[in-house]
Amino acid sequence: MCETNSFKGWLIQVAVLSIILVLVLWLSLRTRTPNFSIQNLTIDPLPTTNITNTTTTATNTTITFDLEIENPNKDYNIWYSGVDLIWYHGGDTLGGASSTTVSKSFSQGKSETNNFSNLKVNVYGENCTRFIQELVTSETAKLEARLATEIKYRMGVLRSKRHGLNLKGSAEVGRDGKIKGKKKRMKLRKSSSKWRFH
């Protein structure tokens, strides 16, 4: 009888320890989505027209920006299939219907941050004119960025399945052609909508 109770007690201890071990491993190895943010955004050239003039005919300008991608995982590398981004203003695409390819496929190390600098999008046509008119007359205009990519997590020989990421962010741009506010950056967050640029 004593041996039976001892055996049952041993099994319970093994089961509890196994559950604790699995929980610890899950907490330490679970994946976290990479962080994306746009920085150093500038719009140039901007019209010199007086801000009270609503008839400005500006038809082209350039959006220049940096994209920072941070891997917050201490145990996983991340592989990206490629990163594409497109700009919007009030539902209008800026820079045509095609997206900007920030990068082709690349790998990112554990806890690593990659910076893609001096990215440019040429903005032209009627959509550009509407954007410039709002910026000139209101001294501010809202820009939205949408980003799409696919990623895999890697740890040693282990590979996860592909995960599609659709992110978006928005920010107010001032009359100086830069993001308003103290932080001067636009964070991109997961979107419930899905899109493919290619």
N, C-alpha and C. Protein backbone atom coordinates (compact mmCIF):
# COMPACT_ATOMS: atom_id res chain seq x y z
N MET A 1 0.84 -1.21 0.00
CA MET A 1 0.00 0.00 0.00
C MET A 1 0.87 1.25 0.00
N CYS A 2 1.92 1.21 0.83
CA CYS A 2 2.83 2.36 0.90
C CYS A 2 3.54 2.58 -0.42
N GLU A 3 3.92 1.42 -1.07
CA GLU A 3 4.61 1.53 -2.34
C GLU A 3 3.70 2.14 -3.41
N THR A 4 2.41 1.75 -3.38
CA THR A 4 1.45 2.29 -4.34
C THR A 4 1.30 3.80 -4.17
N ASN A 5 1.15 4.24 -2.92
CA ASN A 5 1.02 5.67 -2.65
C ASN A 5 2.28 6.43 -3.07
N SER A 6 3.44 5.81 -2.81
CA SER A 6 4.70 6.45 -3.20
C SER A 6 4.79 6.59 -4.71
N PHE A 7 4.34 5.55 -5.43
CA PHE A 7 4.38 5.58 -6.89
C PHE A 7 3.44 6.66 -7.43
N LYS A 8 2.23 6.74 -6.83
CA LYS A 8 1.27 7.76 -7.25
C LYS A 8 1.83 9.16 -6.99
N GLY A 9 2.46 9.32 -5.82
CA GLY A 9 3.05 10.61 -5.49
C GLY A 9 4.16 10.97 -6.45
N TRP A 10 4.95 9.97 -6.84
CA TRP A 10 6.03 10.21 -7.80
C TRP A 10 5.48 10.63 -9.15
N LEU A 11 4.40 9.95 -9.61
CA LEU A 11 3.77 10.30 -10.88
C LEU A 11 3.24 11.72 -10.87
N ILE A 12 2.61 12.10 -9.75
CA ILE A 12 2.08 13.46 -9.63
C ILE A 12 3.20 14.48 -9.70
N GLN A 13 4.31 14.20 -9.02
CA GLN A 13 5.45 15.12 -9.05
C GLN A 13 6.01 15.26 -10.46
N VAL A 14 6.13 14.13 -11.16
CA VAL A 14 6.64 14.16 -12.54
C VAL A 14 5.71 14.97 -13.43
N ALA A 15 4.39 14.76 -13.26
CA ALA A 15 3.41 15.48 -14.07
C ALA A 15 3.49 16.99 -13.81
N VAL A 16 3.56 17.36 -12.54
CA VAL A 16 3.63 18.78 -12.18
C VAL A 16 4.91 19.41 -12.73
N LEU A 17 6.04 18.72 -12.56
CA LEU A 17 7.32 19.24 -13.07
C LEU A 17 7.30 19.36 -14.59
N SER A 18 6.66 18.40 -15.26
CA SER A 18 6.57 18.45 -16.73
C SER A 18 5.76 19.65 -17.18
N ILE A 19 4.64 19.90 -16.48
CA ILE A 19 3.80 21.05 -16.82
C ILE A 19 4.57 22.35 -16.61
N ILE A 20 5.29 22.45 -15.49
CA ILE A 20 6.08 23.65 -15.21
C ILE A 20 7.15 23.84 -16.28
N LEU A 21 7.83 22.75 -16.67
CA LEU A 21 8.88 22.83 -17.69
C LEU A 21 8.32 23.30 -19.03
N VAL A 22 7.18 22.73 -19.43
CA VAL A 22 6.55 23.14 -20.69
C VAL A 22 6.16 24.61 -20.64
N LEU A 23 5.61 25.05 -19.51
CA LEU A 23 5.20 26.44 -19.35
C LEU A 23 6.40 27.38 -19.45
N VAL A 24 7.50 27.02 -18.78
CA VAL A 24 8.71 27.84 -18.82
C VAL A 24 9.26 27.93 -20.24
N LEU A 25 9.30 26.79 -20.93
CA LEU A 25 9.78 26.77 -22.32
C LEU A 25 8.89 27.62 -23.21
N TRP A 26 7.57 27.52 -23.03
CA TRP A 26 6.64 28.29 -23.85
C TRP A 26 6.83 29.78 -23.63
N LEU A 27 6.98 30.17 -22.36
CA LEU A 27 7.16 31.59 -22.05
C LEU A 27 8.47 32.13 -22.61
N SER A 28 9.52 31.31 -22.59
CA SER A 28 10.83 31.78 -23.04
C SER A 28 10.98 31.74 -24.55
N LEU A 29 10.24 30.84 -25.22
CA LEU A 29 10.44 30.64 -26.65
C LEU A 29 9.30 31.17 -27.52
N ARG A 30 8.25 31.69 -26.95
CA ARG A 30 7.15 32.18 -27.77
C ARG A 30 7.63 33.37 -28.59
N THR A 31 7.09 33.50 -29.78
CA THR A 31 7.55 34.52 -30.71
C THR A 31 6.83 35.85 -30.49
N ARG A 32 7.53 36.92 -30.83
CA ARG A 32 6.95 38.26 -30.78
C ARG A 32 7.08 38.89 -32.16
N THR A 33 6.05 39.62 -32.56
CA THR A 33 6.03 40.27 -33.86
C THR A 33 7.07 41.38 -33.92
N PRO A 34 7.79 41.52 -35.03
CA PRO A 34 8.76 42.61 -35.14
C PRO A 34 8.09 43.98 -35.08
N ASN A 35 8.85 44.98 -34.65
CA ASN A 35 8.35 46.35 -34.54
C ASN A 35 8.81 47.17 -35.75
N PHE A 36 7.87 47.91 -36.34
CA PHE A 36 8.16 48.73 -37.51
C PHE A 36 7.85 50.19 -37.18
N SER A 37 8.72 51.10 -37.58
CA SER A 37 8.43 52.53 -37.40
C SER A 37 9.09 53.34 -38.51
N ILE A 38 8.42 54.41 -38.90
CA ILE A 38 8.93 55.34 -39.92
C ILE A 38 9.48 56.57 -39.22
N GLN A 39 10.68 56.98 -39.63
CA GLN A 39 11.36 58.11 -38.99
C GLN A 39 11.93 59.04 -40.06
N ASN A 40 12.32 60.23 -39.61
CA ASN A 40 13.01 61.20 -40.48
C ASN A 40 12.24 61.46 -41.77
N LEU A 41 10.91 61.54 -41.65
CA LEU A 41 10.09 61.80 -42.84
C LEU A 41 10.17 63.26 -43.23
N THR A 42 10.39 63.51 -44.51
CA THR A 42 10.37 64.88 -45.04
C THR A 42 9.64 64.88 -46.38
N ILE A 43 8.97 65.98 -46.65
CA ILE A 43 8.30 66.17 -47.94
C ILE A 43 8.92 67.40 -48.59
N ASP A 44 9.53 67.20 -49.75
CA ASP A 44 10.27 68.28 -50.40
C ASP A 44 10.30 68.03 -51.92
N PRO A 45 10.07 69.05 -52.75
CA PRO A 45 9.82 70.44 -52.34
C PRO A 45 8.37 70.66 -51.94
N LEU A 46 8.16 71.70 -51.16
CA LEU A 46 6.83 72.18 -50.81
C LEU A 46 6.62 73.53 -51.46
N PRO A 47 5.37 73.86 -51.83
CA PRO A 47 5.12 75.14 -52.50
C PRO A 47 5.39 76.31 -51.57
N THR A 48 5.85 77.40 -52.16
CA THR A 48 6.08 78.62 -51.38
C THR A 48 4.85 79.52 -51.39
N THR A 49 3.78 79.03 -52.02
CA THR A 49 2.53 79.79 -52.09
C THR A 49 2.05 80.15 -50.69
N ASN A 50 1.51 81.35 -50.53
CA ASN A 50 0.96 81.76 -49.25
C ASN A 50 -0.11 80.76 -48.81
N ILE A 51 -0.14 80.43 -47.52
CA ILE A 51 -1.03 79.39 -47.03
C ILE A 51 -2.50 79.73 -47.19
N THR A 52 -2.84 80.99 -47.50
CA THR A 52 -4.24 81.35 -47.69
C THR A 52 -4.68 81.13 -49.13
N ASN A 53 -3.73 80.83 -50.01
CA ASN A 53 -4.05 80.62 -51.42
C ASN A 53 -4.45 79.17 -51.64
N THR A 54 -5.71 78.93 -51.99
CA THR A 54 -6.21 77.56 -52.14
C THR A 54 -6.14 77.09 -53.59
N THR A 55 -5.52 77.86 -54.47
CA THR A 55 -5.50 77.50 -55.88
C THR A 55 -4.12 77.01 -56.32
N THR A 56 -3.29 76.63 -55.36
CA THR A 56 -1.96 76.15 -55.73
C THR A 56 -2.05 74.97 -56.70
N THR A 57 -1.17 74.94 -57.69
CA THR A 57 -1.21 73.91 -58.72
C THR A 57 -0.02 72.96 -58.62
N ALA A 58 0.56 72.83 -57.44
CA ALA A 58 1.68 71.92 -57.26
C ALA A 58 1.27 70.51 -57.67
N THR A 59 2.07 69.87 -58.50
CA THR A 59 1.70 68.55 -59.00
C THR A 59 2.73 67.47 -58.69
N ASN A 60 3.83 67.82 -58.06
CA ASN A 60 4.79 66.77 -57.73
C ASN A 60 5.64 67.17 -56.54
N THR A 61 6.01 66.18 -55.77
CA THR A 61 6.91 66.36 -54.63
C THR A 61 7.50 64.99 -54.31
N THR A 62 8.35 64.91 -53.32
CA THR A 62 8.99 63.65 -52.95
C THR A 62 8.88 63.41 -51.45
N ILE A 63 8.43 62.22 -51.08
CA ILE A 63 8.42 61.80 -49.67
C ILE A 63 9.70 61.00 -49.42
N THR A 64 10.50 61.48 -48.49
CA THR A 64 11.73 60.78 -48.11
C THR A 64 11.60 60.31 -46.67
N PHE A 65 12.00 59.08 -46.39
CA PHE A 65 11.81 58.55 -45.04
C PHE A 65 12.78 57.41 -44.76
N ASP A 66 12.90 57.07 -43.48
CA ASP A 66 13.65 55.89 -43.03
C ASP A 66 12.67 54.90 -42.43
N LEU A 67 12.93 53.61 -42.59
CA LEU A 67 12.12 52.57 -41.96
C LEU A 67 13.00 51.76 -41.02
N GLU A 68 12.57 51.68 -39.76
CA GLU A 68 13.30 50.90 -38.75
C GLU A 68 12.51 49.63 -38.45
N ILE A 69 13.19 48.48 -38.49
CA ILE A 69 12.57 47.20 -38.17
C ILE A 69 13.36 46.56 -37.03
N GLU A 70 12.68 46.31 -35.93
CA GLU A 70 13.32 45.75 -34.73
C GLU A 70 12.82 44.34 -34.47
N ASN A 71 13.74 43.42 -34.25
CA ASN A 71 13.39 42.06 -33.83
C ASN A 71 13.46 41.99 -32.31
N PRO A 72 12.31 41.90 -31.62
CA PRO A 72 12.31 41.89 -30.15
C PRO A 72 12.57 40.51 -29.55
N ASN A 73 12.79 39.51 -30.39
CA ASN A 73 12.98 38.13 -29.92
C ASN A 73 14.44 37.85 -29.59
N LYS A 74 14.68 37.34 -28.38
CA LYS A 74 16.03 37.00 -27.95
C LYS A 74 16.46 35.61 -28.40
N ASP A 75 15.48 34.79 -28.82
CA ASP A 75 15.78 33.40 -29.16
C ASP A 75 15.56 33.07 -30.63
N TYR A 76 14.99 33.99 -31.39
CA TYR A 76 14.65 33.69 -32.77
C TYR A 76 15.25 34.71 -33.74
N ASN A 77 15.78 34.20 -34.86
CA ASN A 77 16.05 35.04 -36.02
C ASN A 77 14.74 35.16 -36.79
N ILE A 78 14.64 36.18 -37.63
CA ILE A 78 13.44 36.35 -38.46
C ILE A 78 13.86 36.47 -39.91
N TRP A 79 13.19 35.72 -40.78
CA TRP A 79 13.39 35.84 -42.22
C TRP A 79 12.20 36.58 -42.82
N TYR A 80 12.48 37.58 -43.67
CA TYR A 80 11.45 38.38 -44.32
C TYR A 80 11.44 38.05 -45.81
N SER A 81 10.25 37.86 -46.37
CA SER A 81 10.13 37.56 -47.80
C SER A 81 10.39 38.80 -48.65
N GLY A 82 10.39 39.96 -48.04
CA GLY A 82 10.48 41.25 -48.71
C GLY A 82 9.54 42.20 -48.00
N VAL A 83 9.83 43.49 -48.07
CA VAL A 83 9.00 44.48 -47.37
C VAL A 83 8.55 45.52 -48.38
N ASP A 84 7.23 45.69 -48.51
CA ASP A 84 6.65 46.66 -49.44
C ASP A 84 5.78 47.64 -48.68
N LEU A 85 5.79 48.90 -49.12
CA LEU A 85 5.07 49.95 -48.41
C LEU A 85 4.44 50.90 -49.43
N ILE A 86 3.25 51.39 -49.10
CA ILE A 86 2.57 52.36 -49.96
C ILE A 86 1.98 53.47 -49.09
N TRP A 87 1.97 54.70 -49.63
CA TRP A 87 1.48 55.87 -48.90
C TRP A 87 0.08 56.25 -49.36
N TYR A 88 -0.73 56.75 -48.40
CA TYR A 88 -2.09 57.20 -48.69
C TYR A 88 -2.34 58.56 -48.06
N HIS A 89 -3.24 59.30 -48.71
CA HIS A 89 -3.76 60.54 -48.13
C HIS A 89 -5.25 60.61 -48.46
N GLY A 90 -6.08 60.54 -47.43
CA GLY A 90 -7.52 60.63 -47.63
C GLY A 90 -8.08 59.59 -48.59
N GLY A 91 -7.53 58.40 -48.59
CA GLY A 91 -7.99 57.35 -49.48
C GLY A 91 -7.28 57.32 -50.82
N ASP A 92 -6.54 58.38 -51.15
CA ASP A 92 -5.78 58.44 -52.40
C ASP A 92 -4.40 57.82 -52.20
N THR A 93 -3.97 57.04 -53.18
CA THR A 93 -2.59 56.54 -53.13
C THR A 93 -1.65 57.64 -53.59
N LEU A 94 -0.52 57.74 -52.94
CA LEU A 94 0.50 58.73 -53.30
C LEU A 94 1.69 57.99 -53.91
N GLY A 95 2.09 58.42 -55.08
CA GLY A 95 3.20 57.75 -55.75
C GLY A 95 2.72 56.70 -56.73
N GLY A 96 1.46 56.79 -57.15
CA GLY A 96 0.92 55.81 -58.08
C GLY A 96 0.39 54.59 -57.35
N ALA A 97 -0.12 53.65 -58.11
CA ALA A 97 -0.74 52.46 -57.52
C ALA A 97 0.30 51.45 -57.03
N SER A 98 1.53 51.56 -57.52
CA SER A 98 2.55 50.59 -57.13
C SER A 98 3.16 50.94 -55.79
N SER A 99 3.64 49.94 -55.09
CA SER A 99 4.23 50.14 -53.78
C SER A 99 5.72 50.40 -53.89
N THR A 100 6.30 50.87 -52.79
CA THR A 100 7.75 51.03 -52.69
C THR A 100 8.33 49.76 -52.09
N THR A 101 9.25 49.12 -52.79
CA THR A 101 9.92 47.95 -52.24
C THR A 101 11.04 48.43 -51.33
N VAL A 102 10.82 48.30 -50.03
CA VAL A 102 11.82 48.73 -49.06
C VAL A 102 13.02 47.81 -49.10
N SER A 103 12.74 46.51 -49.19
CA SER A 103 13.82 45.52 -49.23
C SER A 103 13.31 44.23 -49.84
N LYS A 104 14.21 43.53 -50.53
CA LYS A 104 13.91 42.17 -50.95
C LYS A 104 14.13 41.26 -49.74
N SER A 105 14.04 39.97 -49.93
CA SER A 105 14.13 39.04 -48.80
C SER A 105 15.45 39.21 -48.05
N PHE A 106 15.37 39.12 -46.73
CA PHE A 106 16.56 39.23 -45.89
C PHE A 106 16.32 38.55 -44.55
N SER A 107 17.40 38.27 -43.84
CA SER A 107 17.33 37.66 -42.51
C SER A 107 17.77 38.67 -41.45
N GLN A 108 17.16 38.58 -40.30
CA GLN A 108 17.44 39.50 -39.19
C GLN A 108 17.81 38.68 -37.96
N GLY A 109 18.92 39.04 -37.32
CA GLY A 109 19.39 38.30 -36.16
C GLY A 109 18.57 38.56 -34.92
N LYS A 110 18.84 37.80 -33.88
CA LYS A 110 18.15 37.94 -32.60
C LYS A 110 18.39 39.34 -32.03
N SER A 111 17.33 39.97 -31.56
CA SER A 111 17.39 41.30 -30.92
C SER A 111 18.08 42.33 -31.81
N GLU A 112 18.01 42.14 -33.11
CA GLU A 112 18.69 43.04 -34.05
C GLU A 112 17.72 44.09 -34.58
N THR A 113 18.26 45.26 -34.91
CA THR A 113 17.47 46.33 -35.51
C THR A 113 18.07 46.69 -36.86
N ASN A 114 17.23 46.69 -37.90
CA ASN A 114 17.67 47.07 -39.24
C ASN A 114 17.09 48.42 -39.61
N ASN A 115 17.91 49.28 -40.19
CA ASN A 115 17.46 50.59 -40.63
C ASN A 115 17.61 50.70 -42.14
N PHE A 116 16.52 51.06 -42.80
CA PHE A 116 16.53 51.29 -44.24
C PHE A 116 16.37 52.80 -44.44
N SER A 117 17.43 53.43 -44.89
CA SER A 117 17.50 54.90 -44.87
C SER A 117 17.30 55.51 -46.26
N ASN A 118 16.84 56.76 -46.24
CA ASN A 118 16.74 57.59 -47.44
C ASN A 118 15.89 56.95 -48.53
N LEU A 119 14.77 56.35 -48.12
CA LEU A 119 13.81 55.79 -49.07
C LEU A 119 12.99 56.92 -49.66
N LYS A 120 12.71 56.85 -50.96
CA LYS A 120 12.02 57.96 -51.63
C LYS A 120 10.82 57.47 -52.42
N VAL A 121 9.76 58.28 -52.37
CA VAL A 121 8.57 58.05 -53.18
C VAL A 121 8.23 59.35 -53.89
N ASN A 122 8.17 59.30 -55.21
CA ASN A 122 7.79 60.48 -55.99
C ASN A 122 6.27 60.56 -56.05
N VAL A 123 5.73 61.70 -55.65
CA VAL A 123 4.28 61.91 -55.59
C VAL A 123 3.92 62.92 -56.68
N TYR A 124 2.90 62.60 -57.47
CA TYR A 124 2.59 63.45 -58.62
C TYR A 124 1.10 63.35 -58.96
N GLY A 125 0.66 64.20 -59.88
CA GLY A 125 -0.70 64.14 -60.38
C GLY A 125 -1.74 64.76 -59.46
N GLU A 126 -3.02 64.44 -59.72
CA GLU A 126 -4.13 65.03 -58.98
C GLU A 126 -4.08 64.68 -57.50
N ASN A 127 -3.69 63.46 -57.16
CA ASN A 127 -3.61 63.07 -55.75
C ASN A 127 -2.60 63.93 -55.01
N CYS A 128 -1.49 64.21 -55.67
CA CYS A 128 -0.48 65.08 -55.07
C CYS A 128 -1.03 66.48 -54.88
N THR A 129 -1.74 66.99 -55.89
CA THR A 129 -2.30 68.34 -55.80
C THR A 129 -3.25 68.47 -54.63
N ARG A 130 -4.13 67.46 -54.43
CA ARG A 130 -5.06 67.51 -53.30
C ARG A 130 -4.32 67.48 -51.97
N PHE A 131 -3.28 66.66 -51.89
CA PHE A 131 -2.48 66.58 -50.67
C PHE A 131 -1.81 67.92 -50.37
N ILE A 132 -1.19 68.52 -51.38
CA ILE A 132 -0.50 69.80 -51.20
C ILE A 132 -1.48 70.91 -50.84
N GLN A 133 -2.66 70.90 -51.49
CA GLN A 133 -3.67 71.92 -51.18
C GLN A 133 -4.08 71.87 -49.72
N GLU A 134 -4.30 70.67 -49.20
CA GLU A 134 -4.67 70.56 -47.78
C GLU A 134 -3.54 71.03 -46.89
N LEU A 135 -2.32 70.66 -47.24
CA LEU A 135 -1.17 71.05 -46.43
C LEU A 135 -0.98 72.57 -46.44
N VAL A 136 -1.21 73.18 -47.59
CA VAL A 136 -1.03 74.63 -47.72
C VAL A 136 -2.14 75.39 -47.00
N THR A 137 -3.39 74.95 -47.17
CA THR A 137 -4.51 75.70 -46.61
C THR A 137 -4.71 75.44 -45.12
N SER A 138 -4.46 74.20 -44.67
CA SER A 138 -4.71 73.85 -43.27
C SER A 138 -3.45 73.82 -42.42
N GLU A 139 -2.30 73.92 -43.07
CA GLU A 139 -0.99 73.85 -42.41
C GLU A 139 -0.73 72.47 -41.80
N THR A 140 -1.56 71.51 -42.14
CA THR A 140 -1.34 70.13 -41.69
C THR A 140 -2.09 69.19 -42.63
N ALA A 141 -1.59 67.98 -42.77
CA ALA A 141 -2.26 66.97 -43.58
C ALA A 141 -1.91 65.60 -43.01
N LYS A 142 -2.86 64.68 -43.13
CA LYS A 142 -2.67 63.34 -42.57
C LYS A 142 -2.12 62.39 -43.63
N LEU A 143 -1.05 61.72 -43.29
CA LEU A 143 -0.47 60.68 -44.14
C LEU A 143 -0.67 59.32 -43.50
N GLU A 144 -0.96 58.32 -44.32
CA GLU A 144 -1.08 56.95 -43.83
C GLU A 144 -0.13 56.05 -44.61
N ALA A 145 0.55 55.16 -43.91
CA ALA A 145 1.44 54.19 -44.55
C ALA A 145 0.89 52.79 -44.32
N ARG A 146 0.93 51.97 -45.36
CA ARG A 146 0.53 50.57 -45.24
C ARG A 146 1.71 49.70 -45.68
N LEU A 147 1.96 48.67 -44.90
CA LEU A 147 3.12 47.81 -45.15
C LEU A 147 2.68 46.35 -45.20
N ALA A 148 3.30 45.59 -46.09
CA ALA A 148 3.00 44.16 -46.20
C ALA A 148 4.30 43.38 -46.30
N THR A 149 4.34 42.25 -45.60
CA THR A 149 5.49 41.34 -45.68
C THR A 149 5.06 39.97 -45.19
N GLU A 150 5.90 38.99 -45.40
CA GLU A 150 5.72 37.65 -44.82
C GLU A 150 7.00 37.29 -44.09
N ILE A 151 6.85 36.63 -42.93
CA ILE A 151 8.02 36.31 -42.12
C ILE A 151 8.00 34.85 -41.70
N LYS A 152 9.20 34.35 -41.37
CA LYS A 152 9.37 33.04 -40.73
C LYS A 152 10.30 33.23 -39.53
N TYR A 153 9.97 32.55 -38.45
CA TYR A 153 10.85 32.56 -37.28
C TYR A 153 11.80 31.36 -37.38
N ARG A 154 13.05 31.59 -36.99
CA ARG A 154 14.06 30.54 -37.08
C ARG A 154 14.85 30.44 -35.78
N MET A 155 15.02 29.20 -35.32
CA MET A 155 15.87 28.94 -34.15
C MET A 155 16.64 27.67 -34.43
N GLY A 156 17.93 27.81 -34.74
CA GLY A 156 18.72 26.65 -35.12
C GLY A 156 18.18 26.06 -36.41
N VAL A 157 17.86 24.77 -36.39
CA VAL A 157 17.31 24.11 -37.58
C VAL A 157 15.78 24.22 -37.63
N LEU A 158 15.18 24.76 -36.60
CA LEU A 158 13.72 24.87 -36.55
C LEU A 158 13.25 26.06 -37.37
N ARG A 159 12.16 25.87 -38.10
CA ARG A 159 11.56 26.91 -38.92
C ARG A 159 10.06 26.94 -38.66
N SER A 160 9.51 28.12 -38.53
CA SER A 160 8.06 28.24 -38.40
C SER A 160 7.44 28.31 -39.79
N LYS A 161 6.13 28.23 -39.86
CA LYS A 161 5.46 28.45 -41.14
C LYS A 161 5.48 29.95 -41.44
N ARG A 162 5.11 30.32 -42.65
CA ARG A 162 5.07 31.74 -43.02
C ARG A 162 3.92 32.44 -42.31
N HIS A 163 4.20 33.64 -41.85
CA HIS A 163 3.17 34.48 -41.24
C HIS A 163 3.06 35.77 -42.06
N GLY A 164 1.87 36.05 -42.56
CA GLY A 164 1.65 37.30 -43.28
C GLY A 164 1.45 38.45 -42.31
N LEU A 165 2.10 39.57 -42.58
CA LEU A 165 1.95 40.76 -41.74
C LEU A 165 1.40 41.90 -42.58
N ASN A 166 0.31 42.49 -42.13
CA ASN A 166 -0.25 43.70 -42.71
C ASN A 166 -0.31 44.76 -41.62
N LEU A 167 0.42 45.84 -41.82
CA LEU A 167 0.51 46.88 -40.80
C LEU A 167 0.19 48.23 -41.41
N LYS A 168 -0.27 49.14 -40.55
CA LYS A 168 -0.49 50.50 -41.01
C LYS A 168 -0.26 51.48 -39.88
N GLY A 169 0.01 52.72 -40.25
CA GLY A 169 0.20 53.79 -39.28
C GLY A 169 -0.14 55.11 -39.93
N SER A 170 -0.38 56.11 -39.14
CA SER A 170 -0.69 57.43 -39.68
C SER A 170 -0.08 58.51 -38.81
N ALA A 171 0.11 59.66 -39.40
CA ALA A 171 0.69 60.79 -38.67
C ALA A 171 0.30 62.08 -39.36
N GLU A 172 0.25 63.14 -38.58
CA GLU A 172 0.00 64.47 -39.12
C GLU A 172 1.33 65.08 -39.57
N VAL A 173 1.33 65.62 -40.77
CA VAL A 173 2.51 66.29 -41.31
C VAL A 173 2.27 67.79 -41.27
N GLY A 174 3.26 68.53 -40.80
CA GLY A 174 3.13 69.98 -40.69
C GLY A 174 3.54 70.71 -41.95
N ARG A 175 3.40 72.03 -41.91
CA ARG A 175 3.71 72.89 -43.07
C ARG A 175 5.19 72.82 -43.44
N ASP A 176 6.02 72.35 -42.50
CA ASP A 176 7.45 72.20 -42.79
C ASP A 176 7.77 70.88 -43.49
N GLY A 177 6.72 70.07 -43.74
CA GLY A 177 6.93 68.81 -44.44
C GLY A 177 7.46 67.69 -43.57
N LYS A 178 7.32 67.83 -42.25
CA LYS A 178 7.82 66.82 -41.32
C LYS A 178 6.70 66.38 -40.37
N ILE A 179 6.87 65.22 -39.74
CA ILE A 179 5.87 64.71 -38.81
C ILE A 179 5.76 65.65 -37.61
N LYS A 180 4.52 65.97 -37.25
CA LYS A 180 4.30 66.84 -36.10
C LYS A 180 4.41 66.04 -34.81
N GLY A 181 4.71 66.73 -33.71
CA GLY A 181 4.81 66.08 -32.41
C GLY A 181 6.25 65.92 -31.97
N LYS A 182 6.41 65.50 -30.72
CA LYS A 182 7.75 65.40 -30.14
C LYS A 182 8.52 64.19 -30.65
N LYS A 183 7.85 63.07 -30.84
CA LYS A 183 8.56 61.83 -31.18
C LYS A 183 9.02 61.78 -32.63
N LYS A 184 8.32 62.49 -33.52
CA LYS A 184 8.72 62.58 -34.92
C LYS A 184 8.84 61.20 -35.58
N ARG A 185 7.99 60.27 -35.18
CA ARG A 185 8.02 58.96 -35.81
C ARG A 185 6.61 58.42 -35.95
N MET A 186 6.45 57.50 -36.88
CA MET A 186 5.15 56.87 -37.13
C MET A 186 5.30 55.38 -36.86
N LYS A 187 4.62 54.88 -35.85
CA LYS A 187 4.66 53.45 -35.56
C LYS A 187 3.63 52.73 -36.43
N LEU A 188 4.02 51.59 -36.97
CA LEU A 188 3.12 50.77 -37.76
C LEU A 188 2.62 49.61 -36.92
N ARG A 189 1.31 49.43 -36.92
CA ARG A 189 0.69 48.40 -36.08
C ARG A 189 -0.13 47.45 -36.94
N LYS A 190 -0.41 46.27 -36.38
CA LYS A 190 -1.18 45.27 -37.10
C LYS A 190 -2.55 45.82 -37.50
N SER A 191 -2.96 45.46 -38.70
CA SER A 191 -4.25 45.89 -39.20
C SER A 191 -5.16 44.68 -39.36
N SER A 192 -6.45 44.88 -39.14
CA SER A 192 -7.42 43.80 -39.34
C SER A 192 -7.65 43.56 -40.83
N SER A 193 -7.36 44.58 -41.64
CA SER A 193 -7.50 44.44 -43.09
C SER A 193 -6.27 43.73 -43.66
N LYS A 194 -6.44 43.13 -44.82
CA LYS A 194 -5.32 42.46 -45.48
C LYS A 194 -5.18 43.02 -46.89
N TRP A 195 -3.94 43.13 -47.33
CA TRP A 195 -3.69 43.61 -48.68
C TRP A 195 -2.41 42.98 -49.21
N ARG A 196 -2.36 42.90 -50.52
CA ARG A 196 -1.15 42.46 -51.22
C ARG A 196 -0.84 43.51 -52.27
N PHE A 197 0.41 43.90 -52.37
CA PHE A 197 0.78 44.95 -53.30
C PHE A 197 1.25 44.41 -54.65
N HIS A 198 1.53 43.11 -54.70
CA HIS A 198 2.04 42.55 -55.96
C HIS A 198 1.17 41.38 -56.38
